[in-house]
C-alpha atoms as a PDB file:
ATOM      1  CA  MET A   1     109.049  90.964 102.615  1.00  0.00           C
ATOM      2  CA  LEU A   2     107.284  90.921  99.334  1.00  0.00           C
ATOM      3  CA  THR A   3     108.053  91.473  95.426  1.00  0.00           C
ATOM      4  CA  SER A   4     106.425  93.587  93.086  1.00  0.00           C
ATOM      5  CA  LYS A   5     104.484  90.733  91.476  1.00  0.00           C
ATOM      6  CA  GLN A   6     103.137  89.506  94.500  1.00  0.00           C
ATOM      7  CA  ARG A   7     102.023  93.124  95.693  1.00  0.00           C
ATOM      8  CA  ALA A   8     100.143  93.127  92.286  1.00  0.00           C
ATOM      9  CA  GLN A   9      98.487  89.954  93.048  1.00  0.00           C
ATOM     10  CA  LEU A  10      97.520  90.974  96.459  1.00  0.00           C
ATOM     11  CA  ARG A  11      96.487  94.132  95.119  1.00  0.00           C
ATOM     12  CA  ALA A  12      94.037  92.232  93.365  1.00  0.00           C
ATOM     13  CA  LEU A  13      92.274  90.243  95.939  1.00  0.00           C
ATOM     14  CA  ALA A  14      92.125  93.823  98.069  1.00  0.00           C
ATOM     15  CA  ASN A  15      89.559  95.612  95.378  1.00  0.00           C
ATOM     16  CA  PRO A  16      86.316  93.894  96.439  1.00  0.00           C
ATOM     17  CA  ILE A  17      86.699  93.554 100.135  1.00  0.00           C
ATOM     18  CA  ASP A  18      85.191  96.244 102.575  1.00  0.00           C
ATOM     19  CA  THR A  19      87.113  98.080 105.329  1.00  0.00           C
ATOM     20  CA  VAL A  20      87.729  96.461 108.155  1.00  0.00           C
ATOM     21  CA  ILE A  21      90.284  99.325 110.213  1.00  0.00           C
ATOM     22  CA  MET A  22      89.111 102.487 110.666  1.00  0.00           C
ATOM     23  CA  VAL A  23      91.575 105.143 112.009  1.00  0.00           C
ATOM     24  CA  GLY A  24      89.697 108.259 113.692  1.00  0.00           C
ATOM     25  CA  LYS A  25      90.409 111.422 115.690  1.00  0.00           C
ATOM     26  CA  GLY A  26      91.643 109.012 118.799  1.00  0.00           C
ATOM     27  CA  GLY A  27      94.244 107.439 117.220  1.00  0.00           C
ATOM     28  CA  PHE A  28      96.259 103.731 117.448  1.00  0.00           C
ATOM     29  CA  SER A  29      95.371 101.965 120.967  1.00  0.00           C
ATOM     30  CA  GLU A  30      95.423  98.874 122.121  1.00  0.00           C
ATOM     31  CA  ALA A  31      91.657  97.781 120.595  1.00  0.00           C
ATOM     32  CA  LEU A  32      92.365  99.139 117.225  1.00  0.00           C
ATOM     33  CA  TYR A  33      95.801  97.027 117.287  1.00  0.00           C
ATOM     34  CA  LYS A  34      93.287  94.123 119.237  1.00  0.00           C
ATOM     35  CA  THR A  35      91.097  94.261 115.617  1.00  0.00           C
ATOM     36  CA  ALA A  36      93.336  94.629 113.342  1.00  0.00           C
ATOM     37  CA  ASP A  37      95.712  91.594 114.554  1.00  0.00           C
ATOM     38  CA  GLU A  38      92.690  89.653 114.597  1.00  0.00           C
ATOM     39  CA  ALA A  39      90.769  90.049 111.329  1.00  0.00           C
ATOM     40  CA  ILE A  40      94.297  89.608 109.608  1.00  0.00           C
ATOM     41  CA  THR A  41      94.957  86.109 111.114  1.00  0.00           C
ATOM     42  CA  ALA A  42      91.009  85.224 109.818  1.00  0.00           C
ATOM     43  CA  ARG A  43      91.642  86.894 106.210  1.00  0.00           C
ATOM     44  CA  GLU A  44      95.427  87.770 105.983  1.00  0.00           C
ATOM     45  CA  LEU A  45      94.410  91.253 103.980  1.00  0.00           C
ATOM     46  CA  ILE A  46      92.202  93.841 105.561  1.00  0.00           C
ATOM     47  CA  LYS A  47      91.884  97.025 104.102  1.00  0.00           C
ATOM     48  CA  GLY A  48      91.817 100.153 106.290  1.00  0.00           C
ATOM     49  CA  LYS A  49      90.839 103.653 106.036  1.00  0.00           C
ATOM     50  CA  VAL A  50      91.880 107.337 107.800  1.00  0.00           C
ATOM     51  CA  LEU A  51      88.738 109.868 108.487  1.00  0.00           C
ATOM     52  CA  GLU A  52      89.205 113.441 108.139  1.00  0.00           C
ATOM     53  CA  ALA A  53      89.559 113.902 111.508  1.00  0.00           C
ATOM     54  CA  CYS A  54      92.107 112.072 112.273  1.00  0.00           C
ATOM     55  CA  GLU A  55      95.754 113.695 112.870  1.00  0.00           C
ATOM     56  CA  PHE A  56      97.925 110.994 111.170  1.00  0.00           C
ATOM     57  CA  SER A  57      98.343 110.656 107.189  1.00  0.00           C
ATOM     58  CA  SER A  58      97.386 106.926 105.742  1.00  0.00           C
ATOM     59  CA  ARG A  59     100.899 106.144 105.091  1.00  0.00           C
ATOM     60  CA  GLU A  60     101.605 106.387 108.866  1.00  0.00           C
ATOM     61  CA  ALA A  61      98.355 104.885 110.082  1.00  0.00           C
ATOM     62  CA  ALA A  62      99.669 102.379 107.319  1.00  0.00           C
ATOM     63  CA  ASP A  63     103.278 102.208 108.641  1.00  0.00           C
ATOM     64  CA  ASP A  64     102.312 101.866 112.154  1.00  0.00           C
ATOM     65  CA  ILE A  65      99.713  99.066 112.470  1.00  0.00           C
ATOM     66  CA  ALA A  66     101.722  97.168 110.333  1.00  0.00           C
ATOM     67  CA  GLU A  67     104.338  97.514 113.029  1.00  0.00           C
ATOM     68  CA  HIS A  68     102.552  96.514 115.876  1.00  0.00           C
ATOM     69  CA  ILE A  69     100.342  93.365 113.883  1.00  0.00           C
ATOM     70  CA  GLY A  70     103.655  91.965 112.262  1.00  0.00           C
ATOM     71  CA  ALA A  71     101.998  92.558 108.806  1.00  0.00           C
ATOM     72  CA  ASP A  72     103.278  93.817 105.154  1.00  0.00           C
ATOM     73  CA  VAL A  73     102.025  97.701 104.026  1.00  0.00           C
ATOM     74  CA  VAL A  74     100.598  96.387 100.293  1.00  0.00           C
ATOM     75  CA  GLN A  75      99.147  99.678  99.291  1.00  0.00           C
ATOM     76  CA  VAL A  76      98.221 103.669 100.019  1.00  0.00           C
ATOM     77  CA  ILE A  77      96.281 105.596  98.081  1.00  0.00           C
ATOM     78  CA  GLY A  78      94.694 108.399  99.634  1.00  0.00           C
ATOM     79  CA  SER A  79      92.908 107.594 102.877  1.00  0.00           C
ATOM     80  CA  LYS A  80      93.183 103.963 102.251  1.00  0.00           C
ATOM     81  CA  PHE A  81      94.814 101.348 102.544  1.00  0.00           C
ATOM     82  CA  VAL A  82      95.781  97.833 102.451  1.00  0.00           C
ATOM     83  CA  LEU A  83      97.584  95.212 104.694  1.00  0.00           C
ATOM     84  CA  TYR A  84      99.010  91.341 103.931  1.00  0.00           C
ATOM     85  CA  ARG A  85      99.807  88.946 106.705  1.00  0.00           C
ATOM     86  CA  LYS A  86     100.781  85.607 105.830  1.00  0.00           C
ATOM     87  CA  ASN A  87      98.306  82.845 107.988  1.00  0.00           C
ATOM     88  CA  LYS A  88     101.193  79.998 109.262  1.00  0.00           C
ATOM     89  CA  LYS A  89      98.099  77.785 110.561  1.00  0.00           C
ATOM     90  CA  GLU A  90      95.394  78.207 108.046  1.00  0.00           C
ATOM     91  CA  PRO A  91      97.196  80.110 105.119  1.00  0.00           C
ATOM     92  CA  LYS A  92      94.658  81.381 102.214  1.00  0.00           C
ATOM     93  CA  ILE A  93      96.521  83.252  99.757  1.00  0.00           C
ATOM     94  CA  LYS A  94      98.800  81.553  97.659  1.00  0.00           C
ATOM     95  CA  LEU A  95     101.139  84.144  96.862  1.00  0.00           C
ATOM     96  CA  VAL A  96     102.968  83.895  93.489  1.00  0.00           C
ATOM     97  CA  LYS A  97     106.635  83.218  93.690  1.00  0.00           C
END
């Protein structure tokens, strides 16, 4: 569980990164979860987007993907969302206490 200061830190770090995950009209698939898992393992912090054709809201998509890959939802704004999961072997982001 992230504190508000940690969320603020992660939101600031997520600002310049590119969108990695796109959820479209196909909804959720094993390939989407696999891509998200690989990306978050490599980066710890990923940004996703829900396309207009998708029947799910960005909050629903963020919660579903986070649950499947064991991540925390950092933020959801409009059609975009940010997920964080610490890489236990090679941590890249040092969170504030």
